[in-house]
Every structure is written in structure tokens, then in C-alpha cells.
Amino acid sequence: MVKDIIFDLGGVLLDYTEEQYYGFLSKKYGLSKHKISKALNPMIERLEVGEMTIKQMRKQASKDFSIPNADLEWVRFFKSSAKPDMYMVSLAQRLKKRYRVSILSNVSRSRYIVARGLLIKRLGAYRIFTSCYMRMRKPNKQIYLAVLRALRAKPSETIFIDNLKANVVGAKRVGIKGIQFRNHSQITNALKRIGVDTRG
């Protein structure tokens, strides 16, 4: 029997992915998305666990892209572009009536503050788990185990929803029922197949 359902933020509850950010920087600086993502991905991973600051990321990016004082607009772009996916928010709110609904996200502290104002306060999740405070990221096995311990939940009674396959696979490796989010009808049907009542 399912007791806990855990949602990712970006790409699930929020209509936002890093691909949008890379596309924005690509147009702004006339660089390929591939070059931008290759340079920024490792830095973002460090930023999201508190091992790098935005100032340090900006300095390194300026060097990598040969652009003096590159303004990455890390928080500004997220604030202007990330929007709640109202279908998914409504689904999560309905599920709260029967299950414990939590959030697990790879996110920097600065963007988490924005997300909290956009969505998290309104949703009223049971628990919120973020990489910036846990100092580890999905799909690291330890982050899923830490979440299970904090919730005092059994993997077999827990569902995790993420838009990235690697993160879903990471959850499945510790016994959590993982679902990769693709679209609204797909996620609703996938939950129903597991036996989740999505009616609210």
C-alpha cells in the first residue's frame, strides 16, 4: 500500500528545465548549447550541494566562455521563467488528502528561495528535501535513503516522480517505486496502475 508520494520540482511541479536556461545563454552570448551545458553542468552540480557560490560559477564561466564578467542571470532567469505546472500542482494537492506528499529536488539555495515563493508555500508539502541543504544530489543512492529515514517510510510504500530517467533509476535502486514524468495523462495513468487514487 502506498503511503508516501515524492515529487521533483523542476520539470514536474514547475514547468522549467535547465535546457531552457542553456538556450537563453546560447542566444545571449552566441555560444552553442552544447558548449554551455558542458561547462556549466559540473558547476551547477557543485552549486546545488553548496560546494560553489554563484560568484565563483560566474568567474569560472567568464573564463571558460572568454566573456569578461559574464552575467549568468542564474536567479533572474529562473524567477522569470519557472512557472507552476497547475495540472501537477492540482494532482499533488488531491493526493495530499490520502497520502503524504513531499518534495525532493536538486536545487541551489538561491533558486529554492524563489521556488518557495512560487509554489512550495502554496502546496504545503509534508516534507521538503533539497540538495542544497542535504549537501548531496540525486541520483546519489544516499539521498534517497536519507529521505526514507527522515520520513520513516518503507521503499515499497513510496513513489518518486521525476522528469529525469537517471533520478528515477536511482530511486528504484533502493526499492522506491519510480515514475519518469513525461506528460499529464501518462503520470496519472502510471499512478493509477500502481493503485494510487488520484481523484482526491
N, C-alpha and C. Protein backbone atom coordinates (compact mmCIF):
# COMPACT_ATOMS: atom_id res chain seq x y z
N MET A 1 0.84 -1.20 0.00
CA MET A 1 0.00 0.00 0.00
C MET A 1 0.88 1.25 0.00
N VAL A 2 0.59 2.17 -0.89
CA VAL A 2 1.37 3.40 -1.00
C VAL A 2 0.99 4.37 0.13
N LYS A 3 2.01 4.93 0.78
CA LYS A 3 1.78 5.91 1.84
C LYS A 3 2.42 7.26 1.53
N ASP A 4 3.56 7.22 0.82
CA ASP A 4 4.30 8.45 0.52
C ASP A 4 4.48 8.63 -0.98
N ILE A 5 4.24 9.86 -1.46
CA ILE A 5 4.49 10.20 -2.86
C ILE A 5 5.39 11.43 -2.87
N ILE A 6 6.52 11.30 -3.54
CA ILE A 6 7.54 12.36 -3.56
C ILE A 6 7.67 12.92 -4.97
N PHE A 7 7.57 14.23 -5.08
CA PHE A 7 7.65 14.91 -6.37
C PHE A 7 8.97 15.66 -6.51
N ASP A 8 9.49 15.68 -7.72
CA ASP A 8 10.58 16.58 -8.07
C ASP A 8 9.98 17.97 -8.31
N LEU A 9 10.82 19.00 -8.30
CA LEU A 9 10.35 20.36 -8.60
C LEU A 9 10.45 20.65 -10.10
N GLY A 10 11.66 21.04 -10.57
CA GLY A 10 11.83 21.43 -11.96
C GLY A 10 11.53 20.31 -12.94
N GLY A 11 10.65 20.57 -13.90
CA GLY A 11 10.29 19.56 -14.88
C GLY A 11 9.11 18.71 -14.45
N VAL A 12 8.63 18.91 -13.21
CA VAL A 12 7.46 18.16 -12.71
C VAL A 12 6.45 19.15 -12.13
N LEU A 13 6.69 19.64 -10.92
CA LEU A 13 5.77 20.61 -10.32
C LEU A 13 5.97 22.01 -10.91
N LEU A 14 7.19 22.28 -11.34
CA LEU A 14 7.48 23.54 -12.02
C LEU A 14 7.75 23.27 -13.49
N ASP A 15 7.14 24.05 -14.35
CA ASP A 15 7.37 23.93 -15.79
C ASP A 15 8.67 24.64 -16.12
N TYR A 16 9.78 23.94 -15.86
CA TYR A 16 11.10 24.53 -16.07
C TYR A 16 12.13 23.42 -16.12
N THR A 17 13.06 23.52 -17.07
CA THR A 17 14.20 22.62 -17.11
C THR A 17 15.45 23.44 -17.42
N GLU A 18 16.59 22.89 -17.12
CA GLU A 18 17.85 23.59 -17.37
C GLU A 18 18.10 23.81 -18.85
N GLU A 19 17.46 23.02 -19.71
CA GLU A 19 17.60 23.21 -21.15
C GLU A 19 17.12 24.61 -21.57
N GLN A 20 16.08 25.10 -20.91
CA GLN A 20 15.59 26.45 -21.19
C GLN A 20 16.67 27.49 -20.85
N TYR A 21 17.34 27.27 -19.74
CA TYR A 21 18.39 28.18 -19.29
C TYR A 21 19.56 28.17 -20.27
N TYR A 22 19.95 26.98 -20.70
CA TYR A 22 21.06 26.88 -21.65
C TYR A 22 20.70 27.55 -22.98
N GLY A 23 19.45 27.41 -23.39
CA GLY A 23 19.00 28.05 -24.62
C GLY A 23 19.06 29.57 -24.51
N PHE A 24 18.69 30.08 -23.35
CA PHE A 24 18.74 31.52 -23.10
C PHE A 24 20.18 32.03 -23.18
N LEU A 25 21.11 31.34 -22.51
CA LEU A 25 22.51 31.76 -22.52
C LEU A 25 23.11 31.61 -23.92
N SER A 26 22.67 30.59 -24.65
CA SER A 26 23.16 30.39 -26.01
C SER A 26 22.84 31.59 -26.89
N LYS A 27 21.62 32.08 -26.79
CA LYS A 27 21.21 33.25 -27.57
C LYS A 27 21.91 34.52 -27.07
N LYS A 28 22.04 34.62 -25.77
CA LYS A 28 22.63 35.83 -25.18
C LYS A 28 24.09 36.00 -25.58
N TYR A 29 24.84 34.90 -25.59
CA TYR A 29 26.28 35.00 -25.82
C TYR A 29 26.74 34.43 -27.17
N GLY A 30 25.80 33.90 -27.95
CA GLY A 30 26.17 33.37 -29.26
C GLY A 30 27.03 32.13 -29.19
N LEU A 31 26.81 31.32 -28.16
CA LEU A 31 27.55 30.07 -27.98
C LEU A 31 26.59 28.90 -28.14
N SER A 32 27.13 27.74 -28.48
CA SER A 32 26.27 26.57 -28.64
C SER A 32 25.76 26.09 -27.28
N LYS A 33 24.56 25.52 -27.29
CA LYS A 33 24.00 24.97 -26.05
C LYS A 33 24.89 23.86 -25.51
N HIS A 34 25.50 23.11 -26.42
CA HIS A 34 26.38 22.02 -26.01
C HIS A 34 27.57 22.55 -25.21
N LYS A 35 28.18 23.61 -25.72
CA LYS A 35 29.34 24.19 -25.03
C LYS A 35 28.94 24.74 -23.66
N ILE A 36 27.79 25.38 -23.61
CA ILE A 36 27.32 25.95 -22.35
C ILE A 36 27.00 24.86 -21.33
N SER A 37 26.26 23.85 -21.76
CA SER A 37 25.89 22.78 -20.82
C SER A 37 27.10 21.99 -20.35
N LYS A 38 28.05 21.76 -21.26
CA LYS A 38 29.26 21.02 -20.89
C LYS A 38 30.06 21.76 -19.83
N ALA A 39 30.12 23.08 -19.95
CA ALA A 39 30.87 23.88 -18.98
C ALA A 39 30.11 24.07 -17.68
N LEU A 40 28.80 24.32 -17.78
CA LEU A 40 28.03 24.68 -16.59
C LEU A 40 27.54 23.49 -15.77
N ASN A 41 27.28 22.36 -16.41
CA ASN A 41 26.73 21.21 -15.67
C ASN A 41 27.54 20.85 -14.42
N PRO A 42 28.86 20.69 -14.54
CA PRO A 42 29.64 20.35 -13.33
C PRO A 42 29.58 21.45 -12.27
N MET A 43 29.52 22.70 -12.72
CA MET A 43 29.46 23.81 -11.77
C MET A 43 28.10 23.86 -11.07
N ILE A 44 27.05 23.59 -11.82
CA ILE A 44 25.70 23.59 -11.23
C ILE A 44 25.58 22.47 -10.20
N GLU A 45 26.16 21.33 -10.51
CA GLU A 45 26.14 20.22 -9.55
C GLU A 45 26.80 20.62 -8.24
N ARG A 46 27.90 21.34 -8.33
CA ARG A 46 28.59 21.80 -7.12
C ARG A 46 27.80 22.90 -6.42
N LEU A 47 27.20 23.79 -7.20
CA LEU A 47 26.38 24.87 -6.64
C LEU A 47 25.20 24.30 -5.85
N GLU A 48 24.60 23.24 -6.37
CA GLU A 48 23.40 22.67 -5.76
C GLU A 48 23.67 21.89 -4.48
N VAL A 49 24.94 21.64 -4.18
CA VAL A 49 25.26 21.00 -2.90
C VAL A 49 26.09 21.92 -2.01
N GLY A 50 26.16 23.19 -2.39
CA GLY A 50 26.85 24.17 -1.57
C GLY A 50 28.35 24.17 -1.65
N GLU A 51 28.90 23.55 -2.69
CA GLU A 51 30.36 23.49 -2.84
C GLU A 51 30.90 24.62 -3.72
N MET A 52 30.01 25.42 -4.27
CA MET A 52 30.40 26.54 -5.13
C MET A 52 29.39 27.66 -4.95
N THR A 53 29.84 28.90 -5.06
CA THR A 53 28.94 30.04 -4.98
C THR A 53 28.61 30.54 -6.39
N ILE A 54 27.57 31.35 -6.50
CA ILE A 54 27.21 31.93 -7.79
C ILE A 54 28.35 32.80 -8.31
N LYS A 55 28.99 33.52 -7.41
CA LYS A 55 30.12 34.37 -7.79
C LYS A 55 31.25 33.55 -8.39
N GLN A 56 31.55 32.40 -7.77
CA GLN A 56 32.60 31.52 -8.28
C GLN A 56 32.21 30.92 -9.62
N MET A 57 30.94 30.56 -9.77
CA MET A 57 30.47 30.00 -11.04
C MET A 57 30.57 31.04 -12.15
N ARG A 58 30.21 32.26 -11.83
CA ARG A 58 30.28 33.34 -12.82
C ARG A 58 31.72 33.59 -13.25
N LYS A 59 32.63 33.57 -12.30
CA LYS A 59 34.05 33.79 -12.60
C LYS A 59 34.59 32.69 -13.50
N GLN A 60 34.25 31.44 -13.18
CA GLN A 60 34.73 30.31 -13.97
C GLN A 60 34.11 30.32 -15.37
N ALA A 61 32.82 30.65 -15.44
CA ALA A 61 32.14 30.70 -16.74
C ALA A 61 32.74 31.80 -17.62
N SER A 62 33.07 32.93 -17.02
CA SER A 62 33.69 34.02 -17.78
C SER A 62 34.99 33.55 -18.42
N LYS A 63 35.73 32.75 -17.68
CA LYS A 63 37.00 32.21 -18.19
C LYS A 63 36.74 31.17 -19.28
N ASP A 64 35.81 30.25 -19.03
CA ASP A 64 35.53 29.18 -19.99
C ASP A 64 34.96 29.71 -21.30
N PHE A 65 34.13 30.75 -21.20
CA PHE A 65 33.47 31.29 -22.39
C PHE A 65 34.21 32.48 -23.00
N SER A 66 35.32 32.88 -22.36
CA SER A 66 36.10 34.05 -22.81
C SER A 66 35.23 35.29 -22.91
N ILE A 67 34.39 35.47 -21.87
CA ILE A 67 33.49 36.63 -21.80
C ILE A 67 33.76 37.33 -20.47
N PRO A 68 34.34 38.52 -20.49
CA PRO A 68 34.62 39.23 -19.24
C PRO A 68 33.34 39.50 -18.44
N ASN A 69 33.38 39.18 -17.16
CA ASN A 69 32.25 39.46 -16.26
C ASN A 69 30.91 38.95 -16.80
N ALA A 70 30.90 37.71 -17.24
CA ALA A 70 29.67 37.12 -17.79
C ALA A 70 28.56 37.12 -16.73
N ASP A 71 27.43 37.69 -17.09
CA ASP A 71 26.27 37.70 -16.20
C ASP A 71 25.41 36.49 -16.55
N LEU A 72 25.43 35.48 -15.70
CA LEU A 72 24.72 34.24 -15.98
C LEU A 72 23.22 34.33 -15.69
N GLU A 73 22.80 35.35 -14.97
CA GLU A 73 21.38 35.55 -14.64
C GLU A 73 20.76 34.27 -14.05
N TRP A 74 21.52 33.62 -13.19
CA TRP A 74 21.13 32.34 -12.60
C TRP A 74 19.78 32.41 -11.89
N VAL A 75 19.62 33.38 -11.03
CA VAL A 75 18.37 33.52 -10.28
C VAL A 75 17.33 34.27 -11.10
N ARG A 76 17.75 35.33 -11.78
CA ARG A 76 16.83 36.18 -12.53
C ARG A 76 16.08 35.40 -13.60
N PHE A 77 16.81 34.56 -14.35
CA PHE A 77 16.15 33.80 -15.41
C PHE A 77 15.17 32.79 -14.82
N PHE A 78 15.57 32.13 -13.75
CA PHE A 78 14.70 31.15 -13.10
C PHE A 78 13.42 31.83 -12.60
N LYS A 79 13.58 32.99 -12.00
CA LYS A 79 12.43 33.71 -11.44
C LYS A 79 11.45 34.13 -12.53
N SER A 80 11.97 34.50 -13.70
CA SER A 80 11.11 34.97 -14.78
C SER A 80 10.55 33.82 -15.63
N SER A 81 11.18 32.66 -15.58
CA SER A 81 10.80 31.57 -16.49
C SER A 81 10.08 30.41 -15.82
N ALA A 82 10.41 30.10 -14.58
CA ALA A 82 9.81 28.95 -13.90
C ALA A 82 8.37 29.26 -13.51
N LYS A 83 7.45 28.43 -13.96
CA LYS A 83 6.03 28.61 -13.65
C LYS A 83 5.47 27.30 -13.09
N PRO A 84 4.58 27.39 -12.12
CA PRO A 84 3.95 26.16 -11.62
C PRO A 84 3.19 25.44 -12.72
N ASP A 85 3.35 24.13 -12.81
CA ASP A 85 2.53 23.31 -13.70
C ASP A 85 1.23 23.05 -12.95
N MET A 86 0.20 23.78 -13.27
CA MET A 86 -1.02 23.77 -12.46
C MET A 86 -1.72 22.41 -12.46
N TYR A 87 -1.56 21.64 -13.53
CA TYR A 87 -2.12 20.28 -13.52
C TYR A 87 -1.44 19.44 -12.46
N MET A 88 -0.10 19.51 -12.42
CA MET A 88 0.66 18.71 -11.46
C MET A 88 0.46 19.21 -10.04
N VAL A 89 0.35 20.52 -9.88
CA VAL A 89 0.09 21.08 -8.55
C VAL A 89 -1.27 20.62 -8.04
N SER A 90 -2.27 20.65 -8.92
CA SER A 90 -3.61 20.19 -8.55
C SER A 90 -3.60 18.70 -8.20
N LEU A 91 -2.85 17.92 -8.98
CA LEU A 91 -2.73 16.49 -8.70
C LEU A 91 -2.11 16.26 -7.33
N ALA A 92 -1.03 16.97 -7.04
CA ALA A 92 -0.35 16.83 -5.74
C ALA A 92 -1.29 17.22 -4.60
N GLN A 93 -2.06 18.26 -4.80
CA GLN A 93 -2.99 18.71 -3.75
C GLN A 93 -4.10 17.69 -3.51
N ARG A 94 -4.56 17.05 -4.58
CA ARG A 94 -5.57 15.99 -4.41
C ARG A 94 -4.98 14.79 -3.68
N LEU A 95 -3.76 14.44 -4.05
CA LEU A 95 -3.11 13.28 -3.43
C LEU A 95 -2.87 13.49 -1.94
N LYS A 96 -2.68 14.75 -1.53
CA LYS A 96 -2.44 15.06 -0.12
C LYS A 96 -3.57 14.60 0.79
N LYS A 97 -4.75 14.42 0.24
CA LYS A 97 -5.90 14.02 1.05
C LYS A 97 -5.80 12.56 1.49
N ARG A 98 -5.00 11.77 0.75
CA ARG A 98 -4.90 10.34 1.07
C ARG A 98 -3.47 9.87 1.35
N TYR A 99 -2.48 10.66 0.91
CA TYR A 99 -1.08 10.25 1.04
C TYR A 99 -0.24 11.40 1.59
N ARG A 100 0.94 11.06 2.08
CA ARG A 100 1.89 12.10 2.47
C ARG A 100 2.64 12.52 1.20
N VAL A 101 2.55 13.79 0.87
CA VAL A 101 3.18 14.31 -0.35
C VAL A 101 4.38 15.16 0.03
N SER A 102 5.55 14.79 -0.48
CA SER A 102 6.79 15.51 -0.19
C SER A 102 7.48 15.94 -1.48
N ILE A 103 8.54 16.70 -1.33
CA ILE A 103 9.32 17.20 -2.47
C ILE A 103 10.78 16.80 -2.28
N LEU A 104 11.42 16.37 -3.36
CA LEU A 104 12.86 16.10 -3.37
C LEU A 104 13.43 16.72 -4.63
N SER A 105 14.34 17.69 -4.46
CA SER A 105 14.83 18.44 -5.62
C SER A 105 16.32 18.73 -5.54
N ASN A 106 16.97 18.66 -6.69
CA ASN A 106 18.32 19.20 -6.84
C ASN A 106 18.16 20.69 -7.13
N VAL A 107 18.54 21.53 -6.19
CA VAL A 107 18.31 22.97 -6.36
C VAL A 107 19.29 23.76 -5.50
N SER A 108 19.73 24.91 -6.02
CA SER A 108 20.60 25.78 -5.24
C SER A 108 19.77 26.55 -4.22
N ARG A 109 20.42 27.09 -3.21
CA ARG A 109 19.68 27.83 -2.18
C ARG A 109 18.97 29.05 -2.76
N SER A 110 19.65 29.74 -3.67
CA SER A 110 19.06 30.96 -4.25
C SER A 110 17.81 30.64 -5.06
N ARG A 111 17.84 29.56 -5.81
CA ARG A 111 16.65 29.18 -6.59
C ARG A 111 15.58 28.56 -5.70
N TYR A 112 15.98 27.90 -4.63
CA TYR A 112 14.99 27.33 -3.72
C TYR A 112 14.14 28.43 -3.09
N ILE A 113 14.77 29.55 -2.77
CA ILE A 113 14.02 30.69 -2.20
C ILE A 113 12.95 31.16 -3.18
N VAL A 114 13.31 31.22 -4.46
CA VAL A 114 12.34 31.61 -5.49
C VAL A 114 11.22 30.58 -5.59
N ALA A 115 11.59 29.30 -5.64
CA ALA A 115 10.60 28.22 -5.77
C ALA A 115 9.65 28.19 -4.57
N ARG A 116 10.17 28.51 -3.42
CA ARG A 116 9.33 28.53 -2.21
C ARG A 116 8.22 29.56 -2.35
N GLY A 117 8.57 30.72 -2.91
CA GLY A 117 7.57 31.76 -3.12
C GLY A 117 6.61 31.43 -4.24
N LEU A 118 7.11 30.78 -5.30
CA LEU A 118 6.29 30.44 -6.46
C LEU A 118 5.27 29.35 -6.16
N LEU A 119 5.69 28.36 -5.39
CA LEU A 119 4.91 27.14 -5.32
C LEU A 119 4.87 26.46 -3.96
N ILE A 120 6.01 26.32 -3.33
CA ILE A 120 6.14 25.41 -2.19
C ILE A 120 5.23 25.79 -1.03
N LYS A 121 5.15 27.09 -0.72
CA LYS A 121 4.27 27.51 0.38
C LYS A 121 2.82 27.18 0.07
N ARG A 122 2.43 27.38 -1.19
CA ARG A 122 1.05 27.12 -1.61
C ARG A 122 0.72 25.64 -1.53
N LEU A 123 1.67 24.80 -1.90
CA LEU A 123 1.43 23.36 -1.93
C LEU A 123 1.29 22.77 -0.53
N GLY A 124 2.10 23.27 0.40
CA GLY A 124 2.03 22.74 1.76
C GLY A 124 2.44 21.29 1.84
N ALA A 125 3.59 20.97 1.25
CA ALA A 125 4.08 19.59 1.25
C ALA A 125 4.37 19.11 2.67
N TYR A 126 4.28 17.80 2.85
CA TYR A 126 4.55 17.19 4.16
C TYR A 126 5.99 17.43 4.58
N ARG A 127 6.94 17.14 3.68
CA ARG A 127 8.35 17.40 3.92
C ARG A 127 9.00 17.89 2.63
N ILE A 128 10.03 18.70 2.76
CA ILE A 128 10.77 19.21 1.61
C ILE A 128 12.24 18.84 1.78
N PHE A 129 12.78 18.18 0.77
CA PHE A 129 14.18 17.75 0.79
C PHE A 129 14.90 18.37 -0.40
N THR A 130 15.96 19.11 -0.14
CA THR A 130 16.70 19.77 -1.22
C THR A 130 18.18 19.46 -1.13
N SER A 131 18.80 19.37 -2.30
CA SER A 131 20.23 19.06 -2.37
C SER A 131 21.08 20.11 -1.66
N CYS A 132 20.64 21.37 -1.72
CA CYS A 132 21.45 22.45 -1.15
C CYS A 132 21.57 22.34 0.37
N TYR A 133 20.55 21.78 1.02
CA TYR A 133 20.60 21.61 2.47
C TYR A 133 21.08 20.21 2.88
N MET A 134 20.81 19.22 2.03
CA MET A 134 21.26 17.86 2.34
C MET A 134 22.70 17.64 1.90
N ARG A 135 23.20 18.53 1.04
CA ARG A 135 24.58 18.50 0.54
C ARG A 135 24.89 17.21 -0.23
N MET A 136 23.89 16.73 -0.93
CA MET A 136 24.04 15.62 -1.87
C MET A 136 22.90 15.70 -2.86
N ARG A 137 23.12 15.09 -4.03
CA ARG A 137 22.18 15.24 -5.13
C ARG A 137 21.64 13.89 -5.60
N LYS A 138 20.47 13.94 -6.21
CA LYS A 138 20.01 12.80 -6.99
C LYS A 138 20.95 12.68 -8.20
N PRO A 139 21.27 11.51 -8.67
CA PRO A 139 20.74 10.20 -8.26
C PRO A 139 21.60 9.44 -7.24
N ASN A 140 22.36 10.17 -6.42
CA ASN A 140 23.16 9.53 -5.37
C ASN A 140 22.26 8.66 -4.49
N LYS A 141 22.61 7.41 -4.34
CA LYS A 141 21.82 6.47 -3.55
C LYS A 141 21.53 6.99 -2.14
N GLN A 142 22.51 7.68 -1.57
CA GLN A 142 22.38 8.11 -0.18
C GLN A 142 21.27 9.13 0.04
N ILE A 143 20.96 9.93 -0.98
CA ILE A 143 19.91 10.94 -0.77
C ILE A 143 18.54 10.28 -0.64
N TYR A 144 18.31 9.21 -1.39
CA TYR A 144 17.03 8.50 -1.29
C TYR A 144 16.91 7.79 0.05
N LEU A 145 18.01 7.20 0.49
CA LEU A 145 18.00 6.52 1.79
C LEU A 145 17.78 7.52 2.92
N ALA A 146 18.38 8.71 2.80
CA ALA A 146 18.20 9.74 3.82
C ALA A 146 16.75 10.21 3.87
N VAL A 147 16.13 10.35 2.71
CA VAL A 147 14.72 10.75 2.65
C VAL A 147 13.83 9.69 3.29
N LEU A 148 14.08 8.44 2.98
CA LEU A 148 13.29 7.35 3.57
C LEU A 148 13.42 7.34 5.09
N ARG A 149 14.64 7.56 5.57
CA ARG A 149 14.84 7.59 7.03
C ARG A 149 14.09 8.75 7.66
N ALA A 150 14.17 9.91 7.03
CA ALA A 150 13.51 11.10 7.57
C ALA A 150 11.99 10.93 7.60
N LEU A 151 11.46 10.26 6.59
CA LEU A 151 10.02 10.03 6.51
C LEU A 151 9.58 8.82 7.33
N ARG A 152 10.57 8.01 7.74
CA ARG A 152 10.28 6.72 8.37
C ARG A 152 9.36 5.91 7.46
N ALA A 153 9.75 5.91 6.19
CA ALA A 153 8.94 5.27 5.16
C ALA A 153 9.61 4.01 4.63
N LYS A 154 8.79 3.08 4.17
CA LYS A 154 9.30 1.88 3.52
C LYS A 154 9.40 2.13 2.02
N PRO A 155 10.49 1.69 1.39
CA PRO A 155 10.63 1.91 -0.06
C PRO A 155 9.45 1.38 -0.86
N SER A 156 8.94 0.22 -0.46
CA SER A 156 7.84 -0.42 -1.19
C SER A 156 6.53 0.36 -1.07
N GLU A 157 6.46 1.28 -0.11
CA GLU A 157 5.26 2.08 0.10
C GLU A 157 5.45 3.53 -0.34
N THR A 158 6.52 3.75 -1.12
CA THR A 158 6.90 5.10 -1.53
C THR A 158 7.00 5.21 -3.05
N ILE A 159 6.47 6.30 -3.59
CA ILE A 159 6.57 6.59 -5.03
C ILE A 159 7.38 7.87 -5.21
N PHE A 160 8.25 7.86 -6.21
CA PHE A 160 9.03 9.05 -6.54
C PHE A 160 8.81 9.40 -8.00
N ILE A 161 8.51 10.68 -8.26
CA ILE A 161 8.23 11.16 -9.62
C ILE A 161 9.26 12.20 -10.02
N ASP A 162 9.94 11.97 -11.13
CA ASP A 162 10.98 12.88 -11.61
C ASP A 162 10.95 12.88 -13.13
N ASN A 163 11.35 13.98 -13.75
CA ASN A 163 11.38 14.03 -15.21
C ASN A 163 12.64 13.41 -15.80
N LEU A 164 13.67 13.20 -14.98
CA LEU A 164 14.93 12.65 -15.47
C LEU A 164 15.05 11.16 -15.17
N LYS A 165 15.34 10.39 -16.20
CA LYS A 165 15.43 8.94 -16.06
C LYS A 165 16.46 8.52 -15.02
N ALA A 166 17.62 9.17 -15.01
CA ALA A 166 18.69 8.79 -14.08
C ALA A 166 18.23 8.90 -12.63
N ASN A 167 17.43 9.92 -12.33
CA ASN A 167 16.95 10.11 -10.96
C ASN A 167 15.91 9.06 -10.58
N VAL A 168 15.10 8.67 -11.55
CA VAL A 168 14.10 7.62 -11.31
C VAL A 168 14.81 6.28 -11.09
N VAL A 169 15.82 6.01 -11.89
CA VAL A 169 16.59 4.77 -11.74
C VAL A 169 17.26 4.74 -10.37
N GLY A 170 17.78 5.88 -9.93
CA GLY A 170 18.40 5.96 -8.61
C GLY A 170 17.44 5.60 -7.50
N ALA A 171 16.20 6.07 -7.62
CA ALA A 171 15.17 5.76 -6.62
C ALA A 171 14.83 4.27 -6.64
N LYS A 172 14.72 3.72 -7.83
CA LYS A 172 14.37 2.30 -7.96
C LYS A 172 15.44 1.40 -7.35
N ARG A 173 16.69 1.85 -7.39
CA ARG A 173 17.79 1.04 -6.86
C ARG A 173 17.70 0.82 -5.36
N VAL A 174 16.96 1.69 -4.66
CA VAL A 174 16.78 1.49 -3.22
C VAL A 174 15.40 0.93 -2.92
N GLY A 175 14.67 0.54 -3.96
CA GLY A 175 13.38 -0.11 -3.77
C GLY A 175 12.16 0.79 -3.87
N ILE A 176 12.38 2.08 -4.12
CA ILE A 176 11.26 3.02 -4.28
C ILE A 176 10.62 2.80 -5.65
N LYS A 177 9.31 2.96 -5.71
CA LYS A 177 8.60 2.87 -7.00
C LYS A 177 8.83 4.18 -7.75
N GLY A 178 9.62 4.15 -8.79
CA GLY A 178 9.96 5.36 -9.53
C GLY A 178 9.15 5.49 -10.81
N ILE A 179 8.70 6.72 -11.09
CA ILE A 179 7.97 7.01 -12.32
C ILE A 179 8.62 8.20 -13.00
N GLN A 180 8.98 8.05 -14.27
CA GLN A 180 9.51 9.18 -15.03
C GLN A 180 8.36 9.97 -15.61
N PHE A 181 8.30 11.25 -15.27
CA PHE A 181 7.23 12.12 -15.76
C PHE A 181 7.48 12.52 -17.21
N ARG A 182 6.46 12.29 -18.05
CA ARG A 182 6.55 12.69 -19.46
C ARG A 182 5.44 13.67 -19.83
N ASN A 183 4.23 13.36 -19.40
CA ASN A 183 3.11 14.28 -19.64
C ASN A 183 2.01 14.00 -18.62
N HIS A 184 0.99 14.81 -18.63
CA HIS A 184 -0.05 14.75 -17.61
C HIS A 184 -0.82 13.43 -17.61
N SER A 185 -1.31 13.02 -18.77
CA SER A 185 -2.10 11.79 -18.82
C SER A 185 -1.25 10.57 -18.47
N GLN A 186 0.01 10.58 -18.91
CA GLN A 186 0.91 9.46 -18.63
C GLN A 186 1.14 9.29 -17.13
N ILE A 187 1.37 10.40 -16.42
CA ILE A 187 1.67 10.29 -14.99
C ILE A 187 0.43 9.86 -14.21
N THR A 188 -0.73 10.36 -14.61
CA THR A 188 -1.97 9.98 -13.93
C THR A 188 -2.24 8.49 -14.13
N ASN A 189 -2.07 8.01 -15.35
CA ASN A 189 -2.29 6.58 -15.63
C ASN A 189 -1.28 5.71 -14.92
N ALA A 190 -0.03 6.17 -14.85
CA ALA A 190 1.02 5.39 -14.17
C ALA A 190 0.71 5.26 -12.68
N LEU A 191 0.23 6.33 -12.08
CA LEU A 191 -0.14 6.28 -10.66
C LEU A 191 -1.31 5.34 -10.43
N LYS A 192 -2.29 5.39 -11.32
CA LYS A 192 -3.46 4.51 -11.18
C LYS A 192 -3.06 3.05 -11.29
N ARG A 193 -2.11 2.75 -12.18
CA ARG A 193 -1.67 1.36 -12.35
C ARG A 193 -1.02 0.82 -11.08
N ILE A 194 -0.41 1.70 -10.31
CA ILE A 194 0.22 1.29 -9.05
C ILE A 194 -0.82 1.15 -7.94
N GLY A 195 -2.02 1.67 -8.20
CA GLY A 195 -3.08 1.58 -7.20
C GLY A 195 -3.33 2.87 -6.45
N VAL A 196 -2.79 3.98 -6.96
CA VAL A 196 -2.97 5.28 -6.31
C VAL A 196 -4.31 5.88 -6.72
N ASP A 197 -5.06 6.37 -5.74
CA ASP A 197 -6.33 7.04 -6.00
C ASP A 197 -6.03 8.51 -6.29
N THR A 198 -6.21 8.93 -7.53
CA THR A 198 -5.86 10.30 -7.94
C THR A 198 -7.06 11.24 -7.91
N ARG A 199 -8.20 10.77 -7.44
CA ARG A 199 -9.41 11.59 -7.50
C ARG A 199 -9.46 12.70 -6.45
N GLY A 200 -8.82 12.48 -5.31
CA GLY A 200 -8.86 13.48 -4.25
C GLY A 200 -10.13 13.40 -3.44
